[in-house]
Amino acid sequence: MPNISKEDYLRVIYKNYTEGSLVTATVIAEKLKVSNAAVTDMLKKLSRAKFVNYIPYKGVELLPKGMETAVNLVRRHRIWETYLYKIVGLPLSLVDSEAENLEHSSSDELIDRLEEILGFPEFDPHGDPIPSKKGKIPKLKKNVALSELQIDECGSIARVSDDSTELLDHFSKLGIELAMEVKVIEKRSFDNSMLIRVKRKNHNISEKFAQNIFIELKQ
């Protein structure tokens, strides 16, 4: 079984939390690739330490102490991702796992210095917001999944899900990057696959791929 820390749990809860709803133990187990029993055990510990409000059989939400810890960890993680991608040149599919190894052992001073070197970026290479040192989170522009676009609709790539290394690897192999403009050429009803155009080049993509790419529509 992988060695999963309390910080990993808090980050997963943070990333999957929607205001007004609870994050279920099943979702956490799927994201961390651990058993439901292991999740339940950790959630009870986090609840006793006042990091989360855990309601058995329903789910969990972050308390102020847990939110502060999670936001700080997300900041560290996304700054490292940005540094590894922009400065070191690692492919998008590798930055998440490498950042996870580095985030726990980095001092606040190092994270602040990396942020300064990068020019105080607001978003990481996946398009996710990077919390500031004071915990302020940049506002995401309204975007929709590429799968929701209709034929001839177009927009710029605002975000790509970091849930799958295979998806990120495919994203990079296609030569597609954030901020590139994409246009839907064809949608196939039999399997919901799509033909899209990026930088004058056409790409056939699956429904799952399209569901994990998020587009800022042209006004």
N, C-alpha and C. Protein backbone atom coordinates (compact mmCIF):
# COMPACT_ATOMS: atom_id res chain seq x y z
N MET A 1 0.85 -1.19 0.00
CA MET A 1 0.00 0.00 0.00
C MET A 1 0.89 1.25 0.00
N PRO A 2 0.60 2.26 -0.80
CA PRO A 2 1.43 3.45 -0.85
C PRO A 2 1.39 4.21 0.47
N ASN A 3 2.49 4.95 0.75
CA ASN A 3 2.56 5.75 1.96
C ASN A 3 1.90 7.10 1.69
N ILE A 4 0.67 7.25 2.15
CA ILE A 4 -0.09 8.46 1.89
C ILE A 4 -0.15 9.29 3.17
N SER A 5 0.27 10.56 3.10
CA SER A 5 0.29 11.41 4.28
C SER A 5 -1.03 12.14 4.47
N LYS A 6 -1.19 12.75 5.63
CA LYS A 6 -2.42 13.51 5.88
C LYS A 6 -2.53 14.68 4.91
N GLU A 7 -1.36 15.25 4.50
CA GLU A 7 -1.38 16.35 3.55
C GLU A 7 -1.95 15.92 2.20
N ASP A 8 -1.65 14.69 1.79
CA ASP A 8 -2.19 14.18 0.53
C ASP A 8 -3.71 14.09 0.60
N TYR A 9 -4.21 13.65 1.74
CA TYR A 9 -5.67 13.58 1.92
C TYR A 9 -6.29 14.97 1.86
N LEU A 10 -5.68 15.93 2.54
CA LEU A 10 -6.22 17.28 2.57
C LEU A 10 -6.23 17.90 1.17
N ARG A 11 -5.17 17.63 0.41
CA ARG A 11 -5.11 18.19 -0.95
C ARG A 11 -6.19 17.58 -1.84
N VAL A 12 -6.40 16.28 -1.73
CA VAL A 12 -7.44 15.63 -2.53
C VAL A 12 -8.83 16.14 -2.14
N ILE A 13 -9.06 16.31 -0.85
CA ILE A 13 -10.35 16.85 -0.40
C ILE A 13 -10.54 18.25 -0.96
N TYR A 14 -9.49 19.06 -0.90
CA TYR A 14 -9.56 20.43 -1.41
C TYR A 14 -9.88 20.46 -2.91
N LYS A 15 -9.18 19.62 -3.67
CA LYS A 15 -9.35 19.62 -5.13
C LYS A 15 -10.72 19.12 -5.57
N ASN A 16 -11.35 18.31 -4.75
CA ASN A 16 -12.62 17.70 -5.14
C ASN A 16 -13.82 18.28 -4.40
N TYR A 17 -13.56 19.34 -3.64
CA TYR A 17 -14.64 19.94 -2.86
C TYR A 17 -15.41 20.96 -3.69
N THR A 18 -16.72 20.88 -3.63
CA THR A 18 -17.61 21.87 -4.22
C THR A 18 -18.46 22.44 -3.09
N GLU A 19 -18.52 23.77 -3.03
CA GLU A 19 -19.24 24.42 -1.92
C GLU A 19 -20.67 23.89 -1.82
N GLY A 20 -21.04 23.52 -0.61
CA GLY A 20 -22.39 23.02 -0.39
C GLY A 20 -22.52 21.52 -0.46
N SER A 21 -21.43 20.82 -0.79
CA SER A 21 -21.49 19.35 -0.86
C SER A 21 -20.26 18.76 -0.18
N LEU A 22 -20.35 17.50 0.17
CA LEU A 22 -19.26 16.81 0.85
C LEU A 22 -18.48 15.95 -0.13
N VAL A 23 -17.20 15.74 0.16
CA VAL A 23 -16.36 14.83 -0.63
C VAL A 23 -16.50 13.45 0.00
N THR A 24 -16.89 12.47 -0.79
CA THR A 24 -17.12 11.13 -0.25
C THR A 24 -15.81 10.36 -0.08
N ALA A 25 -15.85 9.38 0.81
CA ALA A 25 -14.69 8.52 1.03
C ALA A 25 -14.33 7.74 -0.22
N THR A 26 -15.34 7.39 -1.01
CA THR A 26 -15.10 6.64 -2.25
C THR A 26 -14.27 7.45 -3.24
N VAL A 27 -14.60 8.73 -3.38
CA VAL A 27 -13.84 9.61 -4.27
C VAL A 27 -12.40 9.71 -3.81
N ILE A 28 -12.20 9.90 -2.52
CA ILE A 28 -10.84 10.02 -1.97
C ILE A 28 -10.06 8.73 -2.21
N ALA A 29 -10.70 7.59 -1.99
CA ALA A 29 -10.05 6.29 -2.19
C ALA A 29 -9.62 6.11 -3.64
N GLU A 30 -10.48 6.52 -4.58
CA GLU A 30 -10.17 6.40 -6.00
C GLU A 30 -8.98 7.29 -6.38
N LYS A 31 -8.96 8.51 -5.87
CA LYS A 31 -7.90 9.45 -6.23
C LYS A 31 -6.55 9.03 -5.65
N LEU A 32 -6.57 8.51 -4.42
CA LEU A 32 -5.32 8.14 -3.75
C LEU A 32 -4.94 6.67 -3.95
N LYS A 33 -5.86 5.91 -4.58
CA LYS A 33 -5.62 4.49 -4.84
C LYS A 33 -5.35 3.72 -3.54
N VAL A 34 -6.23 3.96 -2.57
CA VAL A 34 -6.18 3.24 -1.30
C VAL A 34 -7.57 2.68 -1.01
N SER A 35 -7.67 1.85 0.02
CA SER A 35 -8.95 1.24 0.35
C SER A 35 -9.87 2.23 1.06
N ASN A 36 -11.16 1.95 0.99
CA ASN A 36 -12.13 2.78 1.71
C ASN A 36 -11.88 2.74 3.22
N ALA A 37 -11.45 1.58 3.71
CA ALA A 37 -11.17 1.44 5.13
C ALA A 37 -10.02 2.35 5.56
N ALA A 38 -8.99 2.43 4.71
CA ALA A 38 -7.85 3.31 5.01
C ALA A 38 -8.28 4.77 5.02
N VAL A 39 -9.16 5.13 4.08
CA VAL A 39 -9.67 6.50 4.02
C VAL A 39 -10.47 6.82 5.28
N THR A 40 -11.36 5.93 5.66
CA THR A 40 -12.18 6.14 6.85
C THR A 40 -11.31 6.34 8.09
N ASP A 41 -10.28 5.53 8.21
CA ASP A 41 -9.37 5.63 9.36
C ASP A 41 -8.69 6.99 9.40
N MET A 42 -8.19 7.45 8.23
CA MET A 42 -7.50 8.75 8.19
C MET A 42 -8.47 9.90 8.42
N LEU A 43 -9.68 9.81 7.89
CA LEU A 43 -10.66 10.88 8.08
C LEU A 43 -11.03 11.04 9.55
N LYS A 44 -11.08 9.93 10.26
CA LYS A 44 -11.37 10.00 11.70
C LYS A 44 -10.23 10.72 12.43
N LYS A 45 -8.99 10.43 12.03
CA LYS A 45 -7.83 11.09 12.64
C LYS A 45 -7.84 12.59 12.33
N LEU A 46 -8.12 12.93 11.07
CA LEU A 46 -8.17 14.34 10.68
C LEU A 46 -9.30 15.08 11.38
N SER A 47 -10.39 14.37 11.61
CA SER A 47 -11.53 14.97 12.31
C SER A 47 -11.18 15.26 13.77
N ARG A 48 -10.50 14.31 14.41
CA ARG A 48 -10.10 14.51 15.82
C ARG A 48 -9.12 15.67 15.96
N ALA A 49 -8.30 15.88 14.91
CA ALA A 49 -7.31 16.97 14.93
C ALA A 49 -7.90 18.29 14.44
N LYS A 50 -9.20 18.31 14.16
CA LYS A 50 -9.91 19.53 13.74
C LYS A 50 -9.50 20.05 12.36
N PHE A 51 -9.00 19.12 11.50
CA PHE A 51 -8.70 19.50 10.12
C PHE A 51 -9.95 19.43 9.24
N VAL A 52 -10.84 18.50 9.55
CA VAL A 52 -12.03 18.28 8.72
C VAL A 52 -13.26 18.05 9.58
N ASN A 53 -14.39 18.22 8.95
CA ASN A 53 -15.67 17.80 9.52
C ASN A 53 -16.08 16.55 8.78
N TYR A 54 -16.01 15.41 9.45
CA TYR A 54 -16.29 14.12 8.82
C TYR A 54 -17.63 13.59 9.32
N ILE A 55 -18.52 13.32 8.37
CA ILE A 55 -19.82 12.75 8.68
C ILE A 55 -19.84 11.33 8.13
N PRO A 56 -19.78 10.32 8.99
CA PRO A 56 -19.74 8.92 8.51
C PRO A 56 -20.86 8.61 7.53
N TYR A 57 -20.49 7.87 6.48
CA TYR A 57 -21.39 7.42 5.41
C TYR A 57 -21.89 8.56 4.51
N LYS A 58 -21.45 9.78 4.78
CA LYS A 58 -21.87 10.91 3.93
C LYS A 58 -20.68 11.58 3.25
N GLY A 59 -19.68 11.95 4.02
CA GLY A 59 -18.53 12.58 3.41
C GLY A 59 -17.81 13.51 4.36
N VAL A 60 -16.99 14.39 3.78
CA VAL A 60 -16.10 15.23 4.57
C VAL A 60 -15.97 16.60 3.93
N GLU A 61 -15.74 17.61 4.77
CA GLU A 61 -15.42 18.95 4.29
C GLU A 61 -14.30 19.51 5.15
N LEU A 62 -13.55 20.46 4.59
CA LEU A 62 -12.42 21.04 5.31
C LEU A 62 -12.90 22.06 6.33
N LEU A 63 -12.30 22.02 7.52
CA LEU A 63 -12.47 23.08 8.51
C LEU A 63 -11.39 24.13 8.28
N PRO A 64 -11.48 25.32 8.89
CA PRO A 64 -10.49 26.38 8.63
C PRO A 64 -9.04 25.92 8.75
N LYS A 65 -8.73 25.12 9.76
CA LYS A 65 -7.37 24.61 9.94
C LYS A 65 -6.95 23.74 8.76
N GLY A 66 -7.86 22.88 8.31
CA GLY A 66 -7.57 22.01 7.18
C GLY A 66 -7.49 22.78 5.88
N MET A 67 -8.34 23.79 5.71
CA MET A 67 -8.32 24.60 4.50
C MET A 67 -7.00 25.35 4.37
N GLU A 68 -6.53 25.93 5.47
CA GLU A 68 -5.25 26.66 5.44
C GLU A 68 -4.10 25.73 5.06
N THR A 69 -4.09 24.55 5.65
CA THR A 69 -3.03 23.58 5.33
C THR A 69 -3.11 23.13 3.88
N ALA A 70 -4.32 22.86 3.40
CA ALA A 70 -4.51 22.38 2.03
C ALA A 70 -4.13 23.44 1.01
N VAL A 71 -4.53 24.69 1.25
CA VAL A 71 -4.21 25.77 0.31
C VAL A 71 -2.70 25.97 0.22
N ASN A 72 -2.01 25.90 1.37
CA ASN A 72 -0.56 26.04 1.37
C ASN A 72 0.11 24.91 0.61
N LEU A 73 -0.40 23.69 0.78
CA LEU A 73 0.16 22.54 0.07
C LEU A 73 -0.09 22.64 -1.43
N VAL A 74 -1.29 23.06 -1.81
CA VAL A 74 -1.62 23.23 -3.23
C VAL A 74 -0.72 24.30 -3.84
N ARG A 75 -0.46 25.38 -3.10
CA ARG A 75 0.45 26.43 -3.57
C ARG A 75 1.83 25.86 -3.85
N ARG A 76 2.38 25.10 -2.90
CA ARG A 76 3.70 24.50 -3.07
C ARG A 76 3.72 23.57 -4.29
N HIS A 77 2.69 22.73 -4.38
CA HIS A 77 2.62 21.75 -5.46
C HIS A 77 2.59 22.43 -6.82
N ARG A 78 1.75 23.43 -6.97
CA ARG A 78 1.57 24.07 -8.27
C ARG A 78 2.74 24.97 -8.66
N ILE A 79 3.41 25.55 -7.67
CA ILE A 79 4.62 26.31 -7.98
C ILE A 79 5.71 25.36 -8.46
N TRP A 80 5.86 24.22 -7.80
CA TRP A 80 6.85 23.24 -8.25
C TRP A 80 6.50 22.72 -9.65
N GLU A 81 5.22 22.45 -9.91
CA GLU A 81 4.81 22.00 -11.24
C GLU A 81 5.22 23.02 -12.30
N THR A 82 4.96 24.28 -12.01
CA THR A 82 5.27 25.35 -12.96
C THR A 82 6.76 25.45 -13.20
N TYR A 83 7.55 25.35 -12.13
CA TYR A 83 9.00 25.42 -12.26
C TYR A 83 9.54 24.25 -13.07
N LEU A 84 9.07 23.06 -12.76
CA LEU A 84 9.54 21.86 -13.46
C LEU A 84 9.17 21.89 -14.94
N TYR A 85 8.04 22.48 -15.25
CA TYR A 85 7.58 22.54 -16.65
C TYR A 85 8.29 23.65 -17.42
N LYS A 86 8.33 24.84 -16.84
CA LYS A 86 8.85 26.00 -17.56
C LYS A 86 10.37 26.12 -17.52
N ILE A 87 10.97 25.80 -16.39
CA ILE A 87 12.41 25.99 -16.22
C ILE A 87 13.19 24.71 -16.50
N VAL A 88 12.74 23.61 -15.91
CA VAL A 88 13.46 22.33 -16.07
C VAL A 88 13.12 21.68 -17.41
N GLY A 89 11.89 21.91 -17.90
CA GLY A 89 11.50 21.35 -19.19
C GLY A 89 10.92 19.95 -19.12
N LEU A 90 10.43 19.53 -17.95
CA LEU A 90 9.79 18.22 -17.85
C LEU A 90 8.47 18.22 -18.61
N PRO A 91 8.11 17.08 -19.21
CA PRO A 91 6.81 17.00 -19.89
C PRO A 91 5.66 17.11 -18.89
N LEU A 92 4.52 17.54 -19.38
CA LEU A 92 3.35 17.76 -18.54
C LEU A 92 2.95 16.51 -17.77
N SER A 93 3.17 15.35 -18.37
CA SER A 93 2.75 14.09 -17.73
C SER A 93 3.60 13.72 -16.52
N LEU A 94 4.75 14.37 -16.33
CA LEU A 94 5.65 14.01 -15.23
C LEU A 94 5.67 15.02 -14.09
N VAL A 95 5.22 16.26 -14.36
CA VAL A 95 5.41 17.31 -13.35
C VAL A 95 4.61 17.05 -12.08
N ASP A 96 3.44 16.42 -12.18
CA ASP A 96 2.62 16.20 -11.00
C ASP A 96 3.31 15.28 -9.99
N SER A 97 3.80 14.14 -10.45
CA SER A 97 4.44 13.19 -9.54
C SER A 97 5.73 13.74 -8.96
N GLU A 98 6.51 14.46 -9.78
CA GLU A 98 7.76 15.04 -9.28
C GLU A 98 7.48 16.15 -8.27
N ALA A 99 6.47 16.97 -8.54
CA ALA A 99 6.11 18.04 -7.61
C ALA A 99 5.66 17.47 -6.28
N GLU A 100 4.98 16.33 -6.33
CA GLU A 100 4.50 15.69 -5.10
C GLU A 100 5.67 15.25 -4.23
N ASN A 101 6.77 14.83 -4.86
CA ASN A 101 7.95 14.43 -4.10
C ASN A 101 8.65 15.62 -3.46
N LEU A 102 8.58 16.77 -4.13
CA LEU A 102 9.33 17.95 -3.69
C LEU A 102 8.58 18.83 -2.70
N GLU A 103 7.26 18.85 -2.81
CA GLU A 103 6.47 19.82 -2.05
C GLU A 103 6.59 19.66 -0.54
N HIS A 104 6.74 18.44 -0.05
CA HIS A 104 6.76 18.19 1.39
C HIS A 104 8.07 18.62 2.04
N SER A 105 9.16 18.60 1.28
CA SER A 105 10.48 18.87 1.86
C SER A 105 10.98 20.29 1.59
N SER A 106 10.16 21.13 0.97
CA SER A 106 10.59 22.48 0.61
C SER A 106 10.21 23.49 1.68
N SER A 107 11.14 24.38 2.00
CA SER A 107 10.85 25.44 2.97
C SER A 107 9.98 26.52 2.33
N ASP A 108 9.34 27.32 3.17
CA ASP A 108 8.55 28.44 2.65
C ASP A 108 9.43 29.41 1.87
N GLU A 109 10.67 29.59 2.34
CA GLU A 109 11.59 30.51 1.67
C GLU A 109 11.90 30.03 0.25
N LEU A 110 12.10 28.72 0.09
CA LEU A 110 12.38 28.19 -1.24
C LEU A 110 11.18 28.36 -2.16
N ILE A 111 9.98 28.08 -1.66
CA ILE A 111 8.77 28.24 -2.48
C ILE A 111 8.60 29.69 -2.91
N ASP A 112 8.84 30.62 -1.98
CA ASP A 112 8.73 32.05 -2.32
C ASP A 112 9.74 32.43 -3.39
N ARG A 113 10.94 31.87 -3.30
CA ARG A 113 11.99 32.19 -4.28
C ARG A 113 11.64 31.62 -5.65
N LEU A 114 11.13 30.40 -5.69
CA LEU A 114 10.71 29.81 -6.96
C LEU A 114 9.60 30.64 -7.60
N GLU A 115 8.66 31.09 -6.77
CA GLU A 115 7.57 31.92 -7.27
C GLU A 115 8.10 33.21 -7.89
N GLU A 116 9.10 33.81 -7.23
CA GLU A 116 9.71 35.04 -7.73
C GLU A 116 10.43 34.79 -9.05
N ILE A 117 11.19 33.71 -9.12
CA ILE A 117 11.91 33.36 -10.36
C ILE A 117 10.94 33.19 -11.52
N LEU A 118 9.78 32.63 -11.24
CA LEU A 118 8.77 32.36 -12.27
C LEU A 118 7.96 33.60 -12.65
N GLY A 119 8.16 34.70 -11.90
CA GLY A 119 7.42 35.92 -12.21
C GLY A 119 6.03 35.95 -11.60
N PHE A 120 5.86 35.27 -10.47
CA PHE A 120 4.59 35.24 -9.74
C PHE A 120 3.42 34.80 -10.63
N PRO A 121 3.51 33.58 -11.16
CA PRO A 121 2.43 33.08 -12.04
C PRO A 121 1.13 32.87 -11.27
N GLU A 122 0.01 33.07 -11.95
CA GLU A 122 -1.29 32.86 -11.32
C GLU A 122 -1.85 31.46 -11.58
N PHE A 123 -1.32 30.80 -12.63
CA PHE A 123 -1.86 29.48 -12.99
C PHE A 123 -0.71 28.52 -13.29
N ASP A 124 -0.92 27.25 -12.98
CA ASP A 124 0.10 26.23 -13.22
C ASP A 124 0.00 25.71 -14.66
N PRO A 125 0.86 24.77 -15.07
CA PRO A 125 0.85 24.31 -16.46
C PRO A 125 -0.44 23.61 -16.89
N HIS A 126 -1.26 23.19 -15.93
CA HIS A 126 -2.55 22.57 -16.28
C HIS A 126 -3.66 23.61 -16.38
N GLY A 127 -3.35 24.86 -15.99
CA GLY A 127 -4.36 25.91 -15.99
C GLY A 127 -5.07 26.07 -14.66
N ASP A 128 -4.59 25.39 -13.63
CA ASP A 128 -5.20 25.50 -12.30
C ASP A 128 -4.60 26.69 -11.55
N PRO A 129 -5.40 27.40 -10.73
CA PRO A 129 -4.92 28.60 -10.04
C PRO A 129 -3.90 28.29 -8.95
N ILE A 130 -2.90 29.16 -8.83
CA ILE A 130 -1.87 29.03 -7.80
C ILE A 130 -2.19 30.00 -6.66
N PRO A 131 -2.49 29.51 -5.47
CA PRO A 131 -2.76 30.41 -4.34
C PRO A 131 -1.55 31.30 -4.05
N SER A 132 -1.82 32.55 -3.67
CA SER A 132 -0.74 33.46 -3.31
C SER A 132 -0.21 33.12 -1.93
N LYS A 133 0.86 33.81 -1.53
CA LYS A 133 1.45 33.58 -0.21
C LYS A 133 0.43 33.84 0.90
N LYS A 134 -0.49 34.77 0.65
CA LYS A 134 -1.51 35.10 1.64
C LYS A 134 -2.76 34.23 1.52
N GLY A 135 -2.72 33.27 0.59
CA GLY A 135 -3.84 32.35 0.45
C GLY A 135 -4.91 32.80 -0.52
N LYS A 136 -4.67 33.92 -1.21
CA LYS A 136 -5.65 34.39 -2.20
C LYS A 136 -5.56 33.52 -3.45
N ILE A 137 -6.72 33.12 -3.96
CA ILE A 137 -6.75 32.21 -5.11
C ILE A 137 -7.24 32.95 -6.35
N PRO A 138 -6.41 33.00 -7.41
CA PRO A 138 -6.84 33.67 -8.65
C PRO A 138 -8.14 33.09 -9.18
N LYS A 139 -8.97 33.95 -9.71
CA LYS A 139 -10.28 33.51 -10.19
C LYS A 139 -10.15 32.88 -11.57
N LEU A 140 -10.73 31.70 -11.71
CA LEU A 140 -10.75 31.03 -13.01
C LEU A 140 -11.78 31.69 -13.92
N LYS A 141 -11.40 31.88 -15.18
CA LYS A 141 -12.37 32.37 -16.15
C LYS A 141 -13.36 31.25 -16.46
N LYS A 142 -14.56 31.63 -16.83
CA LYS A 142 -15.58 30.63 -17.13
C LYS A 142 -15.14 29.78 -18.31
N ASN A 143 -15.19 28.47 -18.15
CA ASN A 143 -14.82 27.58 -19.24
C ASN A 143 -15.73 26.36 -19.25
N VAL A 144 -15.73 25.67 -20.38
CA VAL A 144 -16.56 24.48 -20.54
C VAL A 144 -15.70 23.35 -21.10
N ALA A 145 -16.14 22.13 -20.87
CA ALA A 145 -15.42 20.98 -21.42
C ALA A 145 -15.48 21.01 -22.94
N LEU A 146 -14.39 20.63 -23.57
CA LEU A 146 -14.33 20.59 -25.03
C LEU A 146 -15.44 19.71 -25.60
N SER A 147 -15.80 18.68 -24.87
CA SER A 147 -16.85 17.76 -25.33
C SER A 147 -18.21 18.44 -25.49
N GLU A 148 -18.40 19.58 -24.84
CA GLU A 148 -19.68 20.29 -24.90
C GLU A 148 -19.78 21.23 -26.10
N LEU A 149 -18.66 21.50 -26.76
CA LEU A 149 -18.69 22.40 -27.91
C LEU A 149 -19.38 21.74 -29.09
N GLN A 150 -20.02 22.56 -29.91
CA GLN A 150 -20.68 22.09 -31.11
C GLN A 150 -19.81 22.37 -32.34
N ILE A 151 -20.19 21.81 -33.46
CA ILE A 151 -19.44 22.01 -34.70
C ILE A 151 -19.31 23.50 -35.01
N ASP A 152 -18.10 23.91 -35.38
CA ASP A 152 -17.73 25.29 -35.72
C ASP A 152 -17.55 26.19 -34.50
N GLU A 153 -17.83 25.70 -33.30
CA GLU A 153 -17.53 26.51 -32.12
C GLU A 153 -16.03 26.46 -31.85
N CYS A 154 -15.50 27.56 -31.30
CA CYS A 154 -14.07 27.60 -31.03
C CYS A 154 -13.78 28.41 -29.77
N GLY A 155 -12.59 28.25 -29.26
CA GLY A 155 -12.15 28.96 -28.07
C GLY A 155 -10.71 28.60 -27.77
N SER A 156 -10.18 29.12 -26.67
CA SER A 156 -8.80 28.83 -26.31
C SER A 156 -8.75 27.82 -25.17
N ILE A 157 -7.71 27.00 -25.16
CA ILE A 157 -7.56 25.97 -24.14
C ILE A 157 -7.17 26.64 -22.82
N ALA A 158 -8.05 26.53 -21.82
CA ALA A 158 -7.83 27.19 -20.54
C ALA A 158 -7.27 26.26 -19.47
N ARG A 159 -7.60 24.98 -19.56
CA ARG A 159 -7.21 24.06 -18.50
C ARG A 159 -7.28 22.63 -19.00
N VAL A 160 -6.41 21.78 -18.45
CA VAL A 160 -6.45 20.35 -18.76
C VAL A 160 -6.41 19.59 -17.44
N SER A 161 -7.24 18.58 -17.30
CA SER A 161 -7.29 17.81 -16.06
C SER A 161 -5.96 17.10 -15.82
N ASP A 162 -5.53 17.09 -14.55
CA ASP A 162 -4.28 16.41 -14.20
C ASP A 162 -4.53 15.07 -13.53
N ASP A 163 -5.73 14.52 -13.71
CA ASP A 163 -6.09 13.25 -13.06
C ASP A 163 -5.44 12.03 -13.71
N SER A 164 -5.00 12.16 -14.96
CA SER A 164 -4.48 11.00 -15.69
C SER A 164 -3.17 11.35 -16.38
N THR A 165 -2.10 10.61 -16.04
CA THR A 165 -0.82 10.85 -16.71
C THR A 165 -0.90 10.45 -18.18
N GLU A 166 -1.72 9.43 -18.49
CA GLU A 166 -1.88 9.01 -19.88
C GLU A 166 -2.51 10.13 -20.71
N LEU A 167 -3.51 10.79 -20.14
CA LEU A 167 -4.16 11.90 -20.85
C LEU A 167 -3.18 13.04 -21.07
N LEU A 168 -2.40 13.38 -20.04
CA LEU A 168 -1.44 14.47 -20.15
C LEU A 168 -0.35 14.14 -21.17
N ASP A 169 0.07 12.88 -21.20
CA ASP A 169 1.08 12.45 -22.16
C ASP A 169 0.54 12.57 -23.58
N HIS A 170 -0.71 12.17 -23.78
CA HIS A 170 -1.33 12.28 -25.11
C HIS A 170 -1.50 13.75 -25.50
N PHE A 171 -1.88 14.58 -24.55
CA PHE A 171 -2.03 16.02 -24.76
C PHE A 171 -0.71 16.61 -25.28
N SER A 172 0.40 16.24 -24.64
CA SER A 172 1.71 16.75 -25.04
C SER A 172 2.15 16.20 -26.40
N LYS A 173 1.88 14.91 -26.64
CA LYS A 173 2.29 14.29 -27.91
C LYS A 173 1.58 14.91 -29.11
N LEU A 174 0.36 15.42 -28.88
CA LEU A 174 -0.36 16.09 -29.96
C LEU A 174 0.19 17.48 -30.24
N GLY A 175 1.09 17.94 -29.37
CA GLY A 175 1.65 19.28 -29.55
C GLY A 175 0.70 20.38 -29.14
N ILE A 176 -0.28 20.04 -28.31
CA ILE A 176 -1.28 21.02 -27.86
C ILE A 176 -0.84 21.62 -26.53
N GLU A 177 -1.03 22.92 -26.38
CA GLU A 177 -0.66 23.61 -25.15
C GLU A 177 -1.77 24.55 -24.72
N LEU A 178 -1.69 24.99 -23.47
CA LEU A 178 -2.65 25.97 -22.97
C LEU A 178 -2.61 27.23 -23.81
N ALA A 179 -3.74 27.89 -23.93
CA ALA A 179 -3.93 29.16 -24.65
C ALA A 179 -4.03 28.98 -26.17
N MET A 180 -3.77 27.78 -26.68
CA MET A 180 -3.95 27.56 -28.11
C MET A 180 -5.43 27.57 -28.46
N GLU A 181 -5.73 28.04 -29.65
CA GLU A 181 -7.12 28.07 -30.09
C GLU A 181 -7.51 26.73 -30.71
N VAL A 182 -8.71 26.27 -30.37
CA VAL A 182 -9.21 25.01 -30.89
C VAL A 182 -10.58 25.22 -31.51
N LYS A 183 -10.83 24.53 -32.61
CA LYS A 183 -12.12 24.62 -33.30
C LYS A 183 -12.65 23.21 -33.54
N VAL A 184 -13.94 23.03 -33.31
CA VAL A 184 -14.57 21.72 -33.54
C VAL A 184 -14.95 21.61 -35.01
N ILE A 185 -14.42 20.60 -35.68
CA ILE A 185 -14.69 20.38 -37.10
C ILE A 185 -15.81 19.36 -37.30
N GLU A 186 -15.79 18.32 -36.46
CA GLU A 186 -16.78 17.25 -36.62
C GLU A 186 -17.06 16.59 -35.26
N LYS A 187 -18.33 16.19 -35.04
CA LYS A 187 -18.71 15.41 -33.86
C LYS A 187 -19.41 14.15 -34.33
N ARG A 188 -18.99 13.00 -33.80
CA ARG A 188 -19.52 11.72 -34.27
C ARG A 188 -20.46 11.15 -33.21
N SER A 189 -21.70 10.97 -33.58
CA SER A 189 -22.72 10.57 -32.61
C SER A 189 -22.57 9.12 -32.15
N PHE A 190 -21.95 8.26 -32.95
CA PHE A 190 -21.90 6.84 -32.60
C PHE A 190 -20.96 6.56 -31.43
N ASP A 191 -19.93 7.40 -31.23
CA ASP A 191 -19.03 7.18 -30.08
C ASP A 191 -18.64 8.49 -29.39
N ASN A 192 -19.24 9.60 -29.85
CA ASN A 192 -18.99 10.93 -29.27
C ASN A 192 -17.55 11.39 -29.42
N SER A 193 -16.82 10.79 -30.35
CA SER A 193 -15.48 11.28 -30.64
C SER A 193 -15.58 12.56 -31.47
N MET A 194 -14.47 13.27 -31.60
CA MET A 194 -14.49 14.57 -32.27
C MET A 194 -13.29 14.73 -33.19
N LEU A 195 -13.46 15.58 -34.19
CA LEU A 195 -12.35 16.05 -35.01
C LEU A 195 -12.18 17.52 -34.69
N ILE A 196 -11.00 17.89 -34.20
CA ILE A 196 -10.74 19.28 -33.84
C ILE A 196 -9.57 19.82 -34.66
N ARG A 197 -9.48 21.13 -34.72
CA ARG A 197 -8.36 21.77 -35.42
C ARG A 197 -7.63 22.68 -34.45
N VAL A 198 -6.31 22.47 -34.36
CA VAL A 198 -5.45 23.30 -33.53
C VAL A 198 -4.24 23.69 -34.37
N LYS A 199 -4.00 24.98 -34.50
CA LYS A 199 -2.88 25.50 -35.29
C LYS A 199 -2.85 24.89 -36.69
N ARG A 200 -3.98 24.93 -37.36
CA ARG A 200 -4.13 24.46 -38.75
C ARG A 200 -3.95 22.95 -38.92
N LYS A 201 -3.90 22.22 -37.82
CA LYS A 201 -3.74 20.77 -37.90
C LYS A 201 -4.94 20.09 -37.26
N ASN A 202 -5.47 19.07 -37.95
CA ASN A 202 -6.63 18.34 -37.44
C ASN A 202 -6.21 17.17 -36.55
N HIS A 203 -7.01 16.93 -35.49
CA HIS A 203 -6.75 15.82 -34.57
C HIS A 203 -8.05 15.09 -34.28
N ASN A 204 -8.02 13.77 -34.34
CA ASN A 204 -9.14 12.95 -33.90
C ASN A 204 -8.96 12.68 -32.41
N ILE A 205 -9.98 12.98 -31.61
CA ILE A 205 -9.87 12.78 -30.18
C ILE A 205 -11.08 12.02 -29.65
N SER A 206 -10.88 11.29 -28.57
CA SER A 206 -11.96 10.51 -27.97
C SER A 206 -12.85 11.39 -27.09
N GLU A 207 -13.99 10.85 -26.73
CA GLU A 207 -14.89 11.57 -25.83
C GLU A 207 -14.22 11.83 -24.48
N LYS A 208 -13.53 10.82 -23.95
CA LYS A 208 -12.88 10.98 -22.64
C LYS A 208 -11.84 12.08 -22.68
N PHE A 209 -11.07 12.14 -23.76
CA PHE A 209 -10.07 13.20 -23.90
C PHE A 209 -10.75 14.56 -23.91
N ALA A 210 -11.82 14.69 -24.69
CA ALA A 210 -12.54 15.96 -24.81
C ALA A 210 -13.17 16.39 -23.50
N GLN A 211 -13.57 15.42 -22.68
CA GLN A 211 -14.20 15.74 -21.39
C GLN A 211 -13.21 16.31 -20.38
N ASN A 212 -11.92 16.12 -20.64
CA ASN A 212 -10.89 16.56 -19.70
C ASN A 212 -10.10 17.78 -20.16
N ILE A 213 -10.52 18.36 -21.27
CA ILE A 213 -9.93 19.60 -21.78
C ILE A 213 -10.98 20.70 -21.64
N PHE A 214 -10.59 21.84 -21.07
CA PHE A 214 -11.56 22.89 -20.79
C PHE A 214 -11.24 24.15 -21.60
N ILE A 215 -12.29 24.71 -22.18
CA ILE A 215 -12.16 25.76 -23.19
C ILE A 215 -12.80 27.06 -22.72
N GLU A 216 -12.08 28.17 -22.93
CA GLU A 216 -12.66 29.49 -22.75
C GLU A 216 -13.23 29.92 -24.10
N LEU A 217 -14.53 30.01 -24.18
CA LEU A 217 -15.19 30.28 -25.45
C LEU A 217 -14.93 31.70 -25.94
N LYS A 218 -14.88 31.85 -27.25
CA LYS A 218 -14.79 33.18 -27.85
C LYS A 218 -16.12 33.90 -27.70
N GLN A 219 -16.06 35.16 -27.34
CA GLN A 219 -17.29 35.93 -27.19
C GLN A 219 -17.80 36.41 -28.55
